[in-house]
Amino acid sequence: MHYLLVYDIDLNSSEQKKNKLNKVAKICENYGLRVQNSVFELNINTKDFILLKDKLSKVIDWDIDSIRIYELGKNCDNKLTILGKREIFESIKDNSFFV
């Protein structure tokens, strides 16, 4: 399934918060393609989706951070419009393509 994940991590204070931002980014990089600073395109199965949510939920501060994951569906490739830089994402999980 294809997903769009976006996050906003509060960085208003300590170095620990910057480390939190890096942890969130690293987790997301293991599941998808970074298309903008805090935006990832994911092509993952249900099991990996659950693992991703579990890992992220343990890192963020639920009172001040925000992660939104939009389900795009299986056929979103046909509905995607890209203006500017275009990256191709090949899922490691199932060898399907997300353009």
N, C-alpha and C. Protein backbone atom coordinates (compact mmCIF):
# COMPACT_ATOMS: atom_id res chain seq x y z
N MET A 1 0.85 -1.17 0.00
CA MET A 1 0.00 0.00 0.00
C MET A 1 0.89 1.24 0.00
N HIS A 2 0.44 2.27 -0.65
CA HIS A 2 1.18 3.53 -0.71
C HIS A 2 0.66 4.50 0.35
N TYR A 3 1.60 5.19 0.99
CA TYR A 3 1.27 6.17 2.02
C TYR A 3 2.12 7.42 1.82
N LEU A 4 1.61 8.52 2.31
CA LEU A 4 2.36 9.77 2.39
C LEU A 4 2.48 10.09 3.87
N LEU A 5 3.71 10.21 4.37
CA LEU A 5 3.96 10.49 5.78
C LEU A 5 4.60 11.87 5.89
N VAL A 6 4.03 12.70 6.75
CA VAL A 6 4.57 14.04 7.00
C VAL A 6 4.70 14.22 8.50
N TYR A 7 5.73 14.94 8.92
CA TYR A 7 5.90 15.14 10.35
C TYR A 7 6.35 16.55 10.67
N ASP A 8 6.04 16.95 11.91
CA ASP A 8 6.47 18.22 12.47
C ASP A 8 6.95 17.93 13.88
N ILE A 9 8.26 18.01 14.07
CA ILE A 9 8.86 17.72 15.37
C ILE A 9 9.30 19.03 16.00
N ASP A 10 8.84 19.28 17.22
CA ASP A 10 9.17 20.52 17.93
C ASP A 10 10.67 20.57 18.23
N LEU A 11 11.32 21.68 17.87
CA LEU A 11 12.76 21.84 18.10
C LEU A 11 13.07 23.09 18.90
N ASN A 12 12.17 23.53 19.73
CA ASN A 12 12.35 24.81 20.42
C ASN A 12 13.35 24.81 21.55
N SER A 13 13.97 23.67 21.85
CA SER A 13 14.94 23.75 22.95
C SER A 13 16.16 22.88 22.72
N SER A 14 16.35 21.88 23.49
CA SER A 14 17.63 21.19 23.66
C SER A 14 18.12 20.40 22.46
N GLU A 15 19.38 19.98 22.58
CA GLU A 15 20.01 19.11 21.59
C GLU A 15 19.31 17.77 21.52
N GLN A 16 18.72 17.33 22.62
CA GLN A 16 17.99 16.05 22.62
C GLN A 16 16.85 16.08 21.63
N LYS A 17 16.22 17.22 21.47
CA LYS A 17 15.10 17.33 20.53
C LYS A 17 15.59 17.19 19.10
N LYS A 18 16.78 17.74 18.80
CA LYS A 18 17.34 17.56 17.47
C LYS A 18 17.64 16.09 17.23
N ASN A 19 18.12 15.39 18.25
CA ASN A 19 18.35 13.95 18.14
C ASN A 19 17.04 13.22 17.87
N LYS A 20 15.95 13.69 18.48
CA LYS A 20 14.63 13.09 18.24
C LYS A 20 14.24 13.26 16.78
N LEU A 21 14.48 14.44 16.23
CA LEU A 21 14.18 14.69 14.82
C LEU A 21 14.97 13.73 13.94
N ASN A 22 16.24 13.55 14.24
CA ASN A 22 17.08 12.64 13.47
C ASN A 22 16.60 11.20 13.58
N LYS A 23 16.13 10.79 14.75
CA LYS A 23 15.60 9.44 14.94
C LYS A 23 14.36 9.22 14.09
N VAL A 24 13.46 10.20 14.10
CA VAL A 24 12.23 10.10 13.30
C VAL A 24 12.59 9.99 11.82
N ALA A 25 13.50 10.83 11.35
CA ALA A 25 13.91 10.79 9.95
C ALA A 25 14.53 9.45 9.59
N LYS A 26 15.39 8.92 10.45
CA LYS A 26 16.06 7.65 10.18
C LYS A 26 15.05 6.50 10.11
N ILE A 27 14.09 6.50 11.01
CA ILE A 27 13.05 5.48 10.97
C ILE A 27 12.31 5.55 9.64
N CYS A 28 11.92 6.74 9.24
CA CYS A 28 11.17 6.91 7.99
C CYS A 28 12.00 6.50 6.77
N GLU A 29 13.30 6.81 6.80
CA GLU A 29 14.18 6.44 5.69
C GLU A 29 14.27 4.93 5.51
N ASN A 30 14.06 4.18 6.59
CA ASN A 30 14.08 2.72 6.50
C ASN A 30 12.83 2.15 5.85
N TYR A 31 11.81 2.98 5.67
CA TYR A 31 10.54 2.50 5.12
C TYR A 31 10.14 3.17 3.81
N GLY A 32 10.81 4.25 3.43
CA GLY A 32 10.37 4.94 2.23
C GLY A 32 11.38 5.93 1.70
N LEU A 33 10.91 6.77 0.82
CA LEU A 33 11.73 7.74 0.12
C LEU A 33 11.41 9.14 0.63
N ARG A 34 12.45 9.86 1.07
CA ARG A 34 12.26 11.26 1.47
C ARG A 34 12.08 12.08 0.19
N VAL A 35 10.96 12.77 0.09
CA VAL A 35 10.70 13.60 -1.08
C VAL A 35 10.80 15.09 -0.76
N GLN A 36 10.70 15.44 0.51
CA GLN A 36 10.95 16.78 1.01
C GLN A 36 11.48 16.63 2.43
N ASN A 37 11.87 17.73 3.08
CA ASN A 37 12.53 17.62 4.37
C ASN A 37 11.79 16.76 5.38
N SER A 38 10.52 16.91 5.51
CA SER A 38 9.76 16.12 6.48
C SER A 38 8.59 15.39 5.83
N VAL A 39 8.81 14.95 4.58
CA VAL A 39 7.77 14.25 3.83
C VAL A 39 8.37 13.00 3.20
N PHE A 40 7.69 11.87 3.42
CA PHE A 40 8.15 10.59 2.87
C PHE A 40 7.03 9.91 2.10
N GLU A 41 7.40 9.28 0.99
CA GLU A 41 6.49 8.40 0.27
C GLU A 41 6.86 6.98 0.68
N LEU A 42 5.85 6.21 1.04
CA LEU A 42 6.05 4.84 1.52
C LEU A 42 5.28 3.87 0.65
N ASN A 43 5.87 2.73 0.39
CA ASN A 43 5.17 1.64 -0.29
C ASN A 43 5.44 0.39 0.54
N ILE A 44 4.59 0.14 1.53
CA ILE A 44 4.84 -0.92 2.50
C ILE A 44 3.59 -1.75 2.75
N ASN A 45 3.82 -2.94 3.27
CA ASN A 45 2.69 -3.82 3.58
C ASN A 45 2.15 -3.49 4.98
N THR A 46 1.08 -4.14 5.36
CA THR A 46 0.41 -3.86 6.63
C THR A 46 1.31 -4.12 7.82
N LYS A 47 2.07 -5.20 7.78
CA LYS A 47 2.97 -5.52 8.89
C LYS A 47 4.00 -4.41 9.09
N ASP A 48 4.61 -3.95 8.01
CA ASP A 48 5.61 -2.87 8.12
C ASP A 48 4.97 -1.56 8.54
N PHE A 49 3.73 -1.32 8.12
CA PHE A 49 3.02 -0.11 8.53
C PHE A 49 2.83 -0.10 10.05
N ILE A 50 2.47 -1.23 10.60
CA ILE A 50 2.28 -1.34 12.05
C ILE A 50 3.61 -1.14 12.78
N LEU A 51 4.68 -1.76 12.25
CA LEU A 51 6.01 -1.59 12.85
C LEU A 51 6.46 -0.13 12.81
N LEU A 52 6.25 0.52 11.69
CA LEU A 52 6.61 1.93 11.52
C LEU A 52 5.90 2.79 12.56
N LYS A 53 4.59 2.63 12.68
CA LYS A 53 3.83 3.40 13.65
C LYS A 53 4.30 3.14 15.07
N ASP A 54 4.61 1.90 15.38
CA ASP A 54 5.08 1.55 16.72
C ASP A 54 6.42 2.23 17.02
N LYS A 55 7.35 2.16 16.08
CA LYS A 55 8.66 2.78 16.28
C LYS A 55 8.54 4.29 16.44
N LEU A 56 7.75 4.92 15.58
CA LEU A 56 7.61 6.38 15.66
C LEU A 56 6.91 6.81 16.95
N SER A 57 5.93 6.04 17.38
CA SER A 57 5.18 6.42 18.58
C SER A 57 6.05 6.40 19.83
N LYS A 58 7.12 5.63 19.81
CA LYS A 58 8.03 5.54 20.95
C LYS A 58 9.05 6.68 20.99
N VAL A 59 9.19 7.41 19.87
CA VAL A 59 10.20 8.46 19.78
C VAL A 59 9.62 9.85 20.01
N ILE A 60 8.41 10.08 19.54
CA ILE A 60 7.86 11.44 19.58
C ILE A 60 7.27 11.79 20.93
N ASP A 61 7.13 13.08 21.15
CA ASP A 61 6.41 13.61 22.31
C ASP A 61 4.98 13.86 21.85
N TRP A 62 4.06 13.08 22.36
CA TRP A 62 2.67 13.11 21.90
C TRP A 62 1.98 14.45 22.17
N ASP A 63 2.53 15.25 23.05
CA ASP A 63 1.90 16.53 23.38
C ASP A 63 2.32 17.66 22.44
N ILE A 64 3.47 17.54 21.78
CA ILE A 64 3.94 18.67 20.96
C ILE A 64 4.36 18.29 19.54
N ASP A 65 4.61 17.02 19.27
CA ASP A 65 5.01 16.60 17.93
C ASP A 65 3.80 16.08 17.16
N SER A 66 3.94 16.05 15.84
CA SER A 66 2.83 15.59 15.01
C SER A 66 3.36 14.78 13.83
N ILE A 67 2.78 13.61 13.62
CA ILE A 67 3.06 12.79 12.44
C ILE A 67 1.72 12.44 11.83
N ARG A 68 1.60 12.70 10.54
CA ARG A 68 0.37 12.36 9.81
C ARG A 68 0.73 11.40 8.69
N ILE A 69 -0.07 10.34 8.57
CA ILE A 69 0.15 9.34 7.53
C ILE A 69 -1.13 9.22 6.72
N TYR A 70 -1.02 9.54 5.44
CA TYR A 70 -2.18 9.49 4.55
C TYR A 70 -2.08 8.25 3.68
N GLU A 71 -3.14 7.45 3.68
CA GLU A 71 -3.18 6.27 2.81
C GLU A 71 -3.56 6.73 1.41
N LEU A 72 -2.71 6.39 0.45
CA LEU A 72 -2.94 6.81 -0.93
C LEU A 72 -3.58 5.72 -1.77
N GLY A 73 -3.50 4.49 -1.34
CA GLY A 73 -4.09 3.39 -2.08
C GLY A 73 -3.08 2.70 -2.97
N LYS A 74 -3.52 1.64 -3.62
CA LYS A 74 -2.62 0.84 -4.46
C LYS A 74 -2.40 1.45 -5.83
N ASN A 75 -3.32 2.24 -6.32
CA ASN A 75 -3.24 2.77 -7.68
C ASN A 75 -2.93 4.26 -7.72
N CYS A 76 -2.27 4.75 -6.69
CA CYS A 76 -2.02 6.20 -6.64
C CYS A 76 -1.01 6.65 -7.69
N ASP A 77 -0.20 5.72 -8.23
CA ASP A 77 0.79 6.09 -9.25
C ASP A 77 0.13 6.84 -10.40
N ASN A 78 -1.06 6.41 -10.75
CA ASN A 78 -1.77 6.99 -11.89
C ASN A 78 -2.34 8.38 -11.58
N LYS A 79 -2.35 8.76 -10.31
CA LYS A 79 -2.95 10.02 -9.91
C LYS A 79 -1.93 11.02 -9.40
N LEU A 80 -0.64 10.71 -9.52
CA LEU A 80 0.41 11.54 -8.97
C LEU A 80 0.89 12.56 -10.00
N THR A 81 0.94 13.81 -9.61
CA THR A 81 1.50 14.87 -10.44
C THR A 81 2.71 15.43 -9.72
N ILE A 82 3.84 15.48 -10.39
CA ILE A 82 5.07 16.02 -9.80
C ILE A 82 5.53 17.20 -10.63
N LEU A 83 5.78 18.30 -9.97
CA LEU A 83 6.36 19.47 -10.62
C LEU A 83 7.76 19.64 -10.05
N GLY A 84 8.75 19.67 -10.88
CA GLY A 84 10.13 19.81 -10.40
C GLY A 84 10.82 18.47 -10.29
N LYS A 85 11.77 18.39 -9.39
CA LYS A 85 12.62 17.22 -9.23
C LYS A 85 11.79 15.95 -9.07
N ARG A 86 12.15 14.95 -9.83
CA ARG A 86 11.40 13.70 -9.83
C ARG A 86 12.32 12.58 -9.39
N GLU A 87 11.92 11.84 -8.36
CA GLU A 87 12.67 10.70 -7.85
C GLU A 87 11.83 9.45 -8.07
N ILE A 88 12.49 8.34 -8.31
CA ILE A 88 11.79 7.06 -8.44
C ILE A 88 12.11 6.22 -7.22
N PHE A 89 11.08 5.66 -6.63
CA PHE A 89 11.23 4.86 -5.43
C PHE A 89 10.88 3.42 -5.75
N GLU A 90 11.83 2.52 -5.57
CA GLU A 90 11.56 1.10 -5.72
C GLU A 90 11.48 0.49 -4.33
N SER A 91 10.35 -0.08 -4.03
CA SER A 91 10.17 -0.67 -2.71
C SER A 91 11.08 -1.88 -2.55
N ILE A 92 11.78 -1.92 -1.43
CA ILE A 92 12.63 -3.06 -1.11
C ILE A 92 11.74 -4.26 -0.78
N LYS A 93 10.55 -3.99 -0.27
CA LYS A 93 9.69 -5.06 0.23
C LYS A 93 9.09 -5.92 -0.89
N ASP A 94 8.60 -5.28 -1.95
CA ASP A 94 7.87 -6.07 -2.94
C ASP A 94 8.21 -5.72 -4.39
N ASN A 95 9.26 -4.95 -4.60
CA ASN A 95 9.74 -4.57 -5.93
C ASN A 95 8.72 -3.83 -6.79
N SER A 96 7.71 -3.24 -6.19
CA SER A 96 6.79 -2.40 -6.96
C SER A 96 7.38 -0.99 -7.04
N PHE A 97 6.93 -0.22 -7.99
CA PHE A 97 7.49 1.10 -8.20
C PHE A 97 6.53 2.20 -7.79
N PHE A 98 7.07 3.25 -7.24
CA PHE A 98 6.31 4.44 -6.87
C PHE A 98 7.01 5.61 -7.51
N VAL A 99 6.35 6.29 -8.43
CA VAL A 99 6.98 7.40 -9.16
C VAL A 99 6.39 8.70 -8.71
